[in-house]
C-alpha atoms as a PDB file:
ATOM      1  CA  UNK A   1     125.506 148.207 109.065  1.00  0.00           C
ATOM      2  CA  UNK A   2     126.471 144.105 109.872  1.00  0.00           C
ATOM      3  CA  UNK A   3     124.894 143.075 106.824  1.00  0.00           C
ATOM      4  CA  UNK A   4     127.774 145.377 104.740  1.00  0.00           C
ATOM      5  CA  UNK A   5     130.168 143.810 107.362  1.00  0.00           C
ATOM      6  CA  UNK A   6     129.394 140.166 106.534  1.00  0.00           C
ATOM      7  CA  UNK A   7     129.972 140.847 102.955  1.00  0.00           C
ATOM      8  CA  UNK A   8     133.521 140.981 102.748  1.00  0.00           C
ATOM      9  CA  UNK A   9     133.479 137.716 105.019  1.00  0.00           C
ATOM     10  CA  UNK A  10     130.970 135.957 102.268  1.00  0.00           C
ATOM     11  CA  UNK A  11     133.583 137.336  99.895  1.00  0.00           C
ATOM     12  CA  UNK A  12     136.727 135.769 101.471  1.00  0.00           C
ATOM     13  CA  UNK A  13     134.690 132.487 101.525  1.00  0.00           C
ATOM     14  CA  UNK A  14     134.157 132.762  97.887  1.00  0.00           C
ATOM     15  CA  UNK A  15     130.604 132.749  98.055  1.00  0.00           C
ATOM     16  CA  UNK A  16     128.147 134.805  96.939  1.00  0.00           C
ATOM     17  CA  UNK A  17     124.656 135.039  98.602  1.00  0.00           C
ATOM     18  CA  UNK A  18     123.051 133.875  95.761  1.00  0.00           C
ATOM     19  CA  UNK A  19     124.990 131.103  95.840  1.00  0.00           C
ATOM     20  CA  UNK A  20     124.679 130.400  99.564  1.00  0.00           C
ATOM     21  CA  UNK A  21     120.955 130.457  99.229  1.00  0.00           C
ATOM     22  CA  UNK A  22     121.516 127.649  96.182  1.00  0.00           C
ATOM     23  CA  UNK A  23     123.520 125.627  98.255  1.00  0.00           C
ATOM     24  CA  UNK A  24     120.852 125.862 101.312  1.00  0.00           C
ATOM     25  CA  UNK A  25     118.020 124.897  98.863  1.00  0.00           C
ATOM     26  CA  UNK A  26     119.708 121.934  97.646  1.00  0.00           C
ATOM     27  CA  UNK A  27     120.094 120.667 100.710  1.00  0.00           C
ATOM     28  CA  UNK A  28     116.520 121.431 101.800  1.00  0.00           C
ATOM     29  CA  UNK A  29     115.252 119.208  98.982  1.00  0.00           C
ATOM     30  CA  UNK A  30     117.884 116.469  99.612  1.00  0.00           C
ATOM     31  CA  UNK A  31     116.677 116.643 103.290  1.00  0.00           C
ATOM     32  CA  UNK A  32     112.934 116.462 102.424  1.00  0.00           C
ATOM     33  CA  UNK A  33     114.089 113.230  99.594  1.00  0.00           C
ATOM     34  CA  UNK A  34     115.612 111.457 102.390  1.00  0.00           C
ATOM     35  CA  UNK A  35     112.503 112.426 104.888  1.00  0.00           C
ATOM     36  CA  UNK A  36     110.191 111.156 102.238  1.00  0.00           C
ATOM     37  CA  UNK A  37     112.287 107.920 101.592  1.00  0.00           C
ATOM     38  CA  UNK A  38     112.484 107.617 105.235  1.00  0.00           C
ATOM     39  CA  UNK A  39     108.243 108.076 105.084  1.00  0.00           C
ATOM     40  CA  UNK A  40     107.960 105.797 102.872  1.00  0.00           C
ATOM     41  CA  UNK A  41     110.048 103.222 104.891  1.00  0.00           C
ATOM     42  CA  UNK A  42     108.138 103.716 107.734  1.00  0.00           C
ATOM     43  CA  UNK A  43     104.574 103.148 105.849  1.00  0.00           C
ATOM     44  CA  UNK A  44     106.139  99.754 105.011  1.00  0.00           C
ATOM     45  CA  UNK A  45     107.290  98.498 108.794  1.00  0.00           C
ATOM     46  CA  UNK A  46     103.927  99.547 110.068  1.00  0.00           C
ATOM     47  CA  UNK A  47     102.333  97.914 106.823  1.00  0.00           C
ATOM     48  CA  UNK A  48     104.343  94.644 107.640  1.00  0.00           C
ATOM     49  CA  UNK A  49     104.099  95.016 111.334  1.00  0.00           C
ATOM     50  CA  UNK A  50      99.656  95.421 111.117  1.00  0.00           C
ATOM     51  CA  UNK A  51     100.459  92.240 108.471  1.00  0.00           C
ATOM     52  CA  UNK A  52     102.031  90.320 111.179  1.00  0.00           C
ATOM     53  CA  UNK A  53      99.106  91.264 113.784  1.00  0.00           C
ATOM     54  CA  UNK A  54      96.583  89.917 111.335  1.00  0.00           C
ATOM     55  CA  UNK A  55      98.445  86.972 110.777  1.00  0.00           C
ATOM     56  CA  UNK A  56      98.521  85.950 114.487  1.00  0.00           C
ATOM     57  CA  UNK A  57      94.989  86.813 114.730  1.00  0.00           C
ATOM     58  CA  UNK A  58      94.185  84.394 112.353  1.00  0.00           C
ATOM     59  CA  UNK A  59      96.630  81.669 113.982  1.00  0.00           C
ATOM     60  CA  UNK A  60      95.155  82.161 117.312  1.00  0.00           C
ATOM     61  CA  UNK A  61      91.500  81.774 115.970  1.00  0.00           C
ATOM     62  CA  UNK A  62      92.219  78.444 114.077  1.00  0.00           C
ATOM     63  CA  UNK A  63      94.160  77.504 117.074  1.00  0.00           C
ATOM     64  CA  UNK A  64      91.327  77.763 119.339  1.00  0.00           C
ATOM     65  CA  UNK A  65      89.041  75.989 116.688  1.00  0.00           C
ATOM     66  CA  UNK A  66      91.462  73.376 116.703  1.00  0.00           C
ATOM     67  CA  UNK A  67      91.483  73.005 120.600  1.00  0.00           C
ATOM     68  CA  UNK A  68      87.458  73.362 120.595  1.00  0.00           C
ATOM     69  CA  UNK A  69      87.756  70.308 117.946  1.00  0.00           C
ATOM     70  CA  UNK A  70      89.441  68.053 119.931  1.00  0.00           C
ATOM     71  CA  UNK A  71      87.669  68.566 122.880  1.00  0.00           C
ATOM     72  CA  UNK A  72      84.494  67.578 120.876  1.00  0.00           C
ATOM     73  CA  UNK A  73      86.402  64.463 119.999  1.00  0.00           C
ATOM     74  CA  UNK A  74      87.426  63.320 123.402  1.00  0.00           C
ATOM     75  CA  UNK A  75      83.850  63.697 124.436  1.00  0.00           C
ATOM     76  CA  UNK A  76      82.496  62.017 121.217  1.00  0.00           C
ATOM     77  CA  UNK A  77      85.024  58.996 122.488  1.00  0.00           C
ATOM     78  CA  UNK A  78      84.286  58.770 125.869  1.00  0.00           C
ATOM     79  CA  UNK A  79      80.528  59.038 124.621  1.00  0.00           C
ATOM     80  CA  UNK A  80      81.320  55.723 122.856  1.00  0.00           C
ATOM     81  CA  UNK A  81      83.106  53.810 125.265  1.00  0.00           C
ATOM     82  CA  UNK A  82      80.006  54.793 127.917  1.00  0.00           C
ATOM     83  CA  UNK A  83      77.552  53.292 125.321  1.00  0.00           C
ATOM     84  CA  UNK A  84      80.155  50.124 124.214  1.00  0.00           C
ATOM     85  CA  UNK A  85      80.042  49.374 127.823  1.00  0.00           C
ATOM     86  CA  UNK A  86      76.468  49.591 128.745  1.00  0.00           C
ATOM     87  CA  UNK A  87      75.799  47.423 125.377  1.00  0.00           C
ATOM     88  CA  UNK A  88      77.831  44.686 126.854  1.00  0.00           C
ATOM     89  CA  UNK A  89      76.901  45.033 130.137  1.00  0.00           C
ATOM     90  CA  UNK A  90      73.182  44.249 128.947  1.00  0.00           C
ATOM     91  CA  UNK A  91      74.372  41.158 126.672  1.00  0.00           C
ATOM     92  CA  UNK A  92      76.054  39.712 129.456  1.00  0.00           C
ATOM     93  CA  UNK A  93      73.131  40.875 131.595  1.00  0.00           C
ATOM     94  CA  UNK A  94      70.677  39.247 129.177  1.00  0.00           C
ATOM     95  CA  UNK A  95      73.039  35.984 128.776  1.00  0.00           C
ATOM     96  CA  UNK A  96      72.866  35.482 132.541  1.00  0.00           C
ATOM     97  CA  UNK A  97      68.766  35.928 132.694  1.00  0.00           C
ATOM     98  CA  UNK A  98      69.237  33.037 129.561  1.00  0.00           C
ATOM     99  CA  UNK A  99      71.114  30.798 131.764  1.00  0.00           C
ATOM    100  CA  UNK A 100      68.914  31.188 134.920  1.00  0.00           C
ATOM    101  CA  UNK A 101      65.850  30.233 132.927  1.00  0.00           C
ATOM    102  CA  UNK A 102      67.555  27.330 131.627  1.00  0.00           C
ATOM    103  CA  UNK A 103      68.350  26.081 135.460  1.00  0.00           C
ATOM    104  CA  UNK A 104      65.216  26.907 136.403  1.00  0.00           C
ATOM    105  CA  UNK A 105      63.340  24.787 133.820  1.00  0.00           C
ATOM    106  CA  UNK A 106      65.772  22.019 134.053  1.00  0.00           C
ATOM    107  CA  UNK A 107      65.675  22.047 137.936  1.00  0.00           C
ATOM    108  CA  UNK A 108      61.424  21.893 137.208  1.00  0.00           C
ATOM    109  CA  UNK A 109      60.653  18.647 135.241  1.00  0.00           C
ATOM    110  CA  UNK A 110      62.762  16.628 133.657  1.00  0.00           C
ATOM    111  CA  UNK A 111      62.134  17.401 129.865  1.00  0.00           C
ATOM    112  CA  UNK A 112      61.330  14.428 127.318  1.00  0.00           C
ATOM    113  CA  UNK A 113      64.196  13.767 125.098  1.00  0.00           C
ATOM    114  CA  UNK A 114      62.551  16.022 122.593  1.00  0.00           C
ATOM    115  CA  UNK A 115      61.548  18.569 124.382  1.00  0.00           C
ATOM    116  CA  UNK A 116      64.899  19.112 125.932  1.00  0.00           C
ATOM    117  CA  UNK A 117      66.442  19.430 122.837  1.00  0.00           C
ATOM    118  CA  UNK A 118      63.916  21.803 120.794  1.00  0.00           C
ATOM    119  CA  UNK A 119      64.065  23.764 124.361  1.00  0.00           C
ATOM    120  CA  UNK A 120      68.262  23.631 124.849  1.00  0.00           C
ATOM    121  CA  UNK A 121      68.141  25.056 120.832  1.00  0.00           C
ATOM    122  CA  UNK A 122      65.942  27.843 121.534  1.00  0.00           C
ATOM    123  CA  UNK A 123      67.496  29.016 124.630  1.00  0.00           C
ATOM    124  CA  UNK A 124      71.100  28.872 122.472  1.00  0.00           C
ATOM    125  CA  UNK A 125      69.395  30.901 119.946  1.00  0.00           C
ATOM    126  CA  UNK A 126      68.238  33.287 122.575  1.00  0.00           C
ATOM    127  CA  UNK A 127      71.552  33.856 123.968  1.00  0.00           C
ATOM    128  CA  UNK A 128      73.162  34.516 120.149  1.00  0.00           C
ATOM    129  CA  UNK A 129      73.145  38.216 119.714  1.00  0.00           C
ATOM    130  CA  UNK A 130      70.429  39.633 116.909  1.00  0.00           C
ATOM    131  CA  UNK A 131      73.269  40.318 114.687  1.00  0.00           C
ATOM    132  CA  UNK A 132      74.490  37.117 114.483  1.00  0.00           C
ATOM    133  CA  UNK A 133      71.051  35.239 114.517  1.00  0.00           C
ATOM    134  CA  UNK A 134      69.958  36.929 111.346  1.00  0.00           C
ATOM    135  CA  UNK A 135      73.221  36.179 109.537  1.00  0.00           C
ATOM    136  CA  UNK A 136      73.222  32.670 110.501  1.00  0.00           C
ATOM    137  CA  UNK A 137      69.561  32.699 108.794  1.00  0.00           C
ATOM    138  CA  UNK A 138      69.968  34.608 106.209  1.00  0.00           C
ATOM    139  CA  UNK A 139      73.303  32.555 105.427  1.00  0.00           C
ATOM    140  CA  UNK A 140      71.013  29.417 105.094  1.00  0.00           C
ATOM    141  CA  UNK A 141      68.194  30.842 102.809  1.00  0.00           C
ATOM    142  CA  UNK A 142      68.266  30.101  99.548  1.00  0.00           C
ATOM    143  CA  UNK A 143      66.896  33.300  98.403  1.00  0.00           C
ATOM    144  CA  UNK A 144      67.155  32.624  94.698  1.00  0.00           C
ATOM    145  CA  UNK A 145      64.328  29.450  95.146  1.00  0.00           C
ATOM    146  CA  UNK A 146      62.098  32.278  95.931  1.00  0.00           C
ATOM    147  CA  UNK A 147      60.458  33.951  92.625  1.00  0.00           C
ATOM    148  CA  UNK A 148      58.107  37.046  92.103  1.00  0.00           C
ATOM    149  CA  UNK A 149      57.292  40.030  90.635  1.00  0.00           C
ATOM    150  CA  UNK A 150      60.794  42.331  91.480  1.00  0.00           C
ATOM    151  CA  UNK A 151      62.489  39.662  91.877  1.00  0.00           C
ATOM    152  CA  UNK A 152      66.343  41.341  91.189  1.00  0.00           C
ATOM    153  CA  UNK A 153      65.195  44.492  93.661  1.00  0.00           C
ATOM    154  CA  UNK A 154      64.150  41.546  95.846  1.00  0.00           C
ATOM    155  CA  UNK A 155      67.736  39.971  95.872  1.00  0.00           C
ATOM    156  CA  UNK A 156      69.773  43.056  95.789  1.00  0.00           C
ATOM    157  CA  UNK A 157      68.454  43.962  99.255  1.00  0.00           C
ATOM    158  CA  UNK A 158      68.860  40.337 100.461  1.00  0.00           C
ATOM    159  CA  UNK A 159      72.532  40.997  99.250  1.00  0.00           C
ATOM    160  CA  UNK A 160      73.060  43.889 101.222  1.00  0.00           C
ATOM    161  CA  UNK A 161      71.382  41.970 104.641  1.00  0.00           C
ATOM    162  CA  UNK A 162      73.499  38.639 104.290  1.00  0.00           C
ATOM    163  CA  UNK A 163      76.527  40.706 103.732  1.00  0.00           C
ATOM    164  CA  UNK A 164      75.802  42.990 107.220  1.00  0.00           C
ATOM    165  CA  UNK A 165      74.708  46.353 105.571  1.00  0.00           C
ATOM    166  CA  UNK A 166      71.314  46.534 107.618  1.00  0.00           C
ATOM    167  CA  UNK A 167      70.834  50.065 107.267  1.00  0.00           C
ATOM    168  CA  UNK A 168      71.060  50.208 103.194  1.00  0.00           C
ATOM    169  CA  UNK A 169      69.210  46.069 103.115  1.00  0.00           C
ATOM    170  CA  UNK A 170      66.120  47.928 105.135  1.00  0.00           C
ATOM    171  CA  UNK A 171      66.107  51.175 102.668  1.00  0.00           C
ATOM    172  CA  UNK A 172      66.034  48.379  99.884  1.00  0.00           C
ATOM    173  CA  UNK A 173      63.386  46.491 101.426  1.00  0.00           C
ATOM    174  CA  UNK A 174      61.360  48.832 102.538  1.00  0.00           C
ATOM    175  CA  UNK A 175      61.475  50.845  97.989  1.00  0.00           C
ATOM    176  CA  UNK A 176      60.996  47.227  97.120  1.00  0.00           C
ATOM    177  CA  UNK A 177      57.400  47.015  99.263  1.00  0.00           C
ATOM    178  CA  UNK A 178      56.279  50.370  97.880  1.00  0.00           C
ATOM    179  CA  UNK A 179      57.449  49.001  93.994  1.00  0.00           C
ATOM    180  CA  UNK A 180      56.018  46.083  94.063  1.00  0.00           C
ATOM    181  CA  UNK A 181      52.946  45.834  96.390  1.00  0.00           C
ATOM    182  CA  UNK A 182      51.312  42.549  94.675  1.00  0.00           C
ATOM    183  CA  UNK A 183      54.715  40.939  94.365  1.00  0.00           C
ATOM    184  CA  UNK A 184      54.208  36.745  96.123  1.00  0.00           C
ATOM    185  CA  UNK A 185      57.882  38.205  97.336  1.00  0.00           C
ATOM    186  CA  UNK A 186      56.039  40.652 100.224  1.00  0.00           C
ATOM    187  CA  UNK A 187      55.964  37.708 103.180  1.00  0.00           C
ATOM    188  CA  UNK A 188      59.789  37.257 102.603  1.00  0.00           C
ATOM    189  CA  UNK A 189      60.432  41.679 102.102  1.00  0.00           C
ATOM    190  CA  UNK A 190      58.490  42.082 105.406  1.00  0.00           C
ATOM    191  CA  UNK A 191      59.788  39.299 107.427  1.00  0.00           C
ATOM    192  CA  UNK A 192      63.497  39.988 106.525  1.00  0.00           C
ATOM    193  CA  UNK A 193      62.701  43.878 107.008  1.00  0.00           C
ATOM    194  CA  UNK A 194      61.862  42.846 110.416  1.00  0.00           C
ATOM    195  CA  UNK A 195      64.847  41.209 110.995  1.00  0.00           C
ATOM    196  CA  UNK A 196      67.022  44.174 109.829  1.00  0.00           C
ATOM    197  CA  UNK A 197      65.310  46.178 111.411  1.00  0.00           C
ATOM    198  CA  UNK A 198      65.653  44.110 114.934  1.00  0.00           C
ATOM    199  CA  UNK A 199      69.169  44.378 114.616  1.00  0.00           C
ATOM    200  CA  UNK A 200      69.717  48.012 114.056  1.00  0.00           C
ATOM    201  CA  UNK A 201      67.313  48.249 117.923  1.00  0.00           C
ATOM    202  CA  UNK A 202      64.291  49.546 116.108  1.00  0.00           C
ATOM    203  CA  UNK A 203      62.177  47.110 117.997  1.00  0.00           C
ATOM    204  CA  UNK A 204      58.841  48.715 117.380  1.00  0.00           C
ATOM    205  CA  UNK A 205      59.292  49.101 113.321  1.00  0.00           C
ATOM    206  CA  UNK A 206      60.775  45.467 113.493  1.00  0.00           C
ATOM    207  CA  UNK A 207      57.186  44.221 115.572  1.00  0.00           C
ATOM    208  CA  UNK A 208      54.966  45.880 113.011  1.00  0.00           C
ATOM    209  CA  UNK A 209      56.950  44.879 109.842  1.00  0.00           C
ATOM    210  CA  UNK A 210      56.491  40.903 111.475  1.00  0.00           C
ATOM    211  CA  UNK A 211      52.902  41.564 112.639  1.00  0.00           C
ATOM    212  CA  UNK A 212      51.955  42.511 108.497  1.00  0.00           C
ATOM    213  CA  UNK A 213      53.560  38.944 107.574  1.00  0.00           C
ATOM    214  CA  UNK A 214      51.050  37.408 110.733  1.00  0.00           C
ATOM    215  CA  UNK A 215      47.856  39.501 109.552  1.00  0.00           C
ATOM    216  CA  UNK A 216      48.060  40.159 105.768  1.00  0.00           C
ATOM    217  CA  UNK A 217      49.812  36.771 104.677  1.00  0.00           C
ATOM    218  CA  UNK A 218      48.736  34.489 107.490  1.00  0.00           C
ATOM    219  CA  UNK A 219      49.123  31.512 104.881  1.00  0.00           C
ATOM    220  CA  UNK A 220      52.745  32.038 104.334  1.00  0.00           C
ATOM    221  CA  UNK A 221      55.055  29.982 105.453  1.00  0.00           C
ATOM    222  CA  UNK A 222      56.638  33.084 106.856  1.00  0.00           C
ATOM    223  CA  UNK A 223      54.053  34.165 108.992  1.00  0.00           C
ATOM    224  CA  UNK A 224      54.410  31.340 112.366  1.00  0.00           C
ATOM    225  CA  UNK A 225      58.260  32.255 111.950  1.00  0.00           C
ATOM    226  CA  UNK A 226      57.398  36.376 111.820  1.00  0.00           C
ATOM    227  CA  UNK A 227      55.358  35.409 115.195  1.00  0.00           C
ATOM    228  CA  UNK A 228      58.376  33.568 116.823  1.00  0.00           C
ATOM    229  CA  UNK A 229      60.533  36.445 116.060  1.00  0.00           C
ATOM    230  CA  UNK A 230      58.524  38.823 117.680  1.00  0.00           C
ATOM    231  CA  UNK A 231      57.805  36.732 120.717  1.00  0.00           C
ATOM    232  CA  UNK A 232      61.693  36.716 121.137  1.00  0.00           C
ATOM    233  CA  UNK A 233      61.819  40.506 120.590  1.00  0.00           C
ATOM    234  CA  UNK A 234      59.188  40.867 123.247  1.00  0.00           C
ATOM    235  CA  UNK A 235      61.397  38.474 125.760  1.00  0.00           C
ATOM    236  CA  UNK A 236      64.337  40.964 124.877  1.00  0.00           C
ATOM    237  CA  UNK A 237      62.672  43.967 125.611  1.00  0.00           C
ATOM    238  CA  UNK A 238      60.862  42.619 129.031  1.00  0.00           C
ATOM    239  CA  UNK A 239      57.424  41.874 128.192  1.00  0.00           C
ATOM    240  CA  UNK A 240      57.049  38.528 128.808  1.00  0.00           C
ATOM    241  CA  UNK A 241      53.695  38.693 128.974  1.00  0.00           C
ATOM    242  CA  UNK A 242      53.153  39.599 125.263  1.00  0.00           C
ATOM    243  CA  UNK A 243      55.520  37.204 124.555  1.00  0.00           C
ATOM    244  CA  UNK A 244      53.330  34.328 125.848  1.00  0.00           C
ATOM    245  CA  UNK A 245      50.583  35.714 124.244  1.00  0.00           C
ATOM    246  CA  UNK A 246      52.178  35.531 120.555  1.00  0.00           C
ATOM    247  CA  UNK A 247      53.358  31.970 121.559  1.00  0.00           C
ATOM    248  CA  UNK A 248      50.222  30.546 122.326  1.00  0.00           C
ATOM    249  CA  UNK A 249      48.822  32.351 119.041  1.00  0.00           C
ATOM    250  CA  UNK A 250      51.156  30.292 117.058  1.00  0.00           C
ATOM    251  CA  UNK A 251      50.521  27.142 118.565  1.00  0.00           C
ATOM    252  CA  UNK A 252      47.109  27.665 117.960  1.00  0.00           C
ATOM    253  CA  UNK A 253      47.099  28.315 114.085  1.00  0.00           C
ATOM    254  CA  UNK A 254      50.104  26.566 113.214  1.00  0.00           C
ATOM    255  CA  UNK A 255      50.144  23.389 115.889  1.00  0.00           C
ATOM    256  CA  UNK A 256      51.302  21.079 113.296  1.00  0.00           C
ATOM    257  CA  UNK A 257      54.519  23.102 112.181  1.00  0.00           C
ATOM    258  CA  UNK A 258      57.994  23.099 113.492  1.00  0.00           C
ATOM    259  CA  UNK A 259      57.493  26.676 114.403  1.00  0.00           C
ATOM    260  CA  UNK A 260      54.716  25.358 116.999  1.00  0.00           C
ATOM    261  CA  UNK A 261      57.171  22.869 118.609  1.00  0.00           C
ATOM    262  CA  UNK A 262      59.787  25.614 119.115  1.00  0.00           C
ATOM    263  CA  UNK A 263      56.808  28.192 120.689  1.00  0.00           C
ATOM    264  CA  UNK A 264      56.021  25.328 123.082  1.00  0.00           C
ATOM    265  CA  UNK A 265      59.580  24.987 123.953  1.00  0.00           C
ATOM    266  CA  UNK A 266      59.667  28.673 124.426  1.00  0.00           C
ATOM    267  CA  UNK A 267      56.893  28.951 126.647  1.00  0.00           C
ATOM    268  CA  UNK A 268      57.948  26.417 128.937  1.00  0.00           C
ATOM    269  CA  UNK A 269      61.389  28.372 129.235  1.00  0.00           C
ATOM    270  CA  UNK A 270      59.563  31.749 130.246  1.00  0.00           C
ATOM    271  CA  UNK A 271      59.469  32.764 134.195  1.00  0.00           C
ATOM    272  CA  UNK A 272      55.891  31.741 135.370  1.00  0.00           C
ATOM    273  CA  UNK A 273      53.297  34.182 134.661  1.00  0.00           C
ATOM    274  CA  UNK A 274      52.615  36.532 137.240  1.00  0.00           C
ATOM    275  CA  UNK A 275      48.662  36.053 139.553  1.00  0.00           C
END
């Protein structure tokens, strides 16, 4: 009954039931379309937010790694400063020891002019850093005057040593020794190899290389020089007894050479042997 009463009202509004249904359907469709658009915008916002979170996570990871690297750099700098200080202290201690030995020698007995001059030269050389001593010796050596098999390879390695590139010089000299075992330059190669290894702090390797000169090439002019360097290394590492033994051997085997005179001067500068 109510339905029939509503019909005149719809008629007065100019709307038929069919038209009203169609209008309502259109509004539903419009609302659905608007909801779809809003859903798309919402999905976009969610995607942007997630991407932002990923970027923030990546940024946080980069910052963490950067902080870790900075900490490692600070630690390495601290280690370097510590090692540099220790090296400076060791050099100072060696210089003080050499000066003390010189004073003891001067107070023990007056030396002849020749002996005093030779001893002074030996002590002065001991006070110089190994790198400076090697640079001076290499500069004063005319390597081109020494000829032999593999001369070009030897010269390249020797030039590296003169330039202070001791690591690459060691590699070059080792390669030369391996490639040209019969070369007449072998004594020189072993001698300079030992010198470079000593500068690099490779004391054991340096002693082996210098010992090879003495044992394999005893007639070479480099043999007594290599033994002198061995004695200096033994002194530097606190093995005075071995240094004394090597110096005595130089005097016995090469008594008429300048190396023997240097050995005598260095023996006098050594502290008395413990009984």
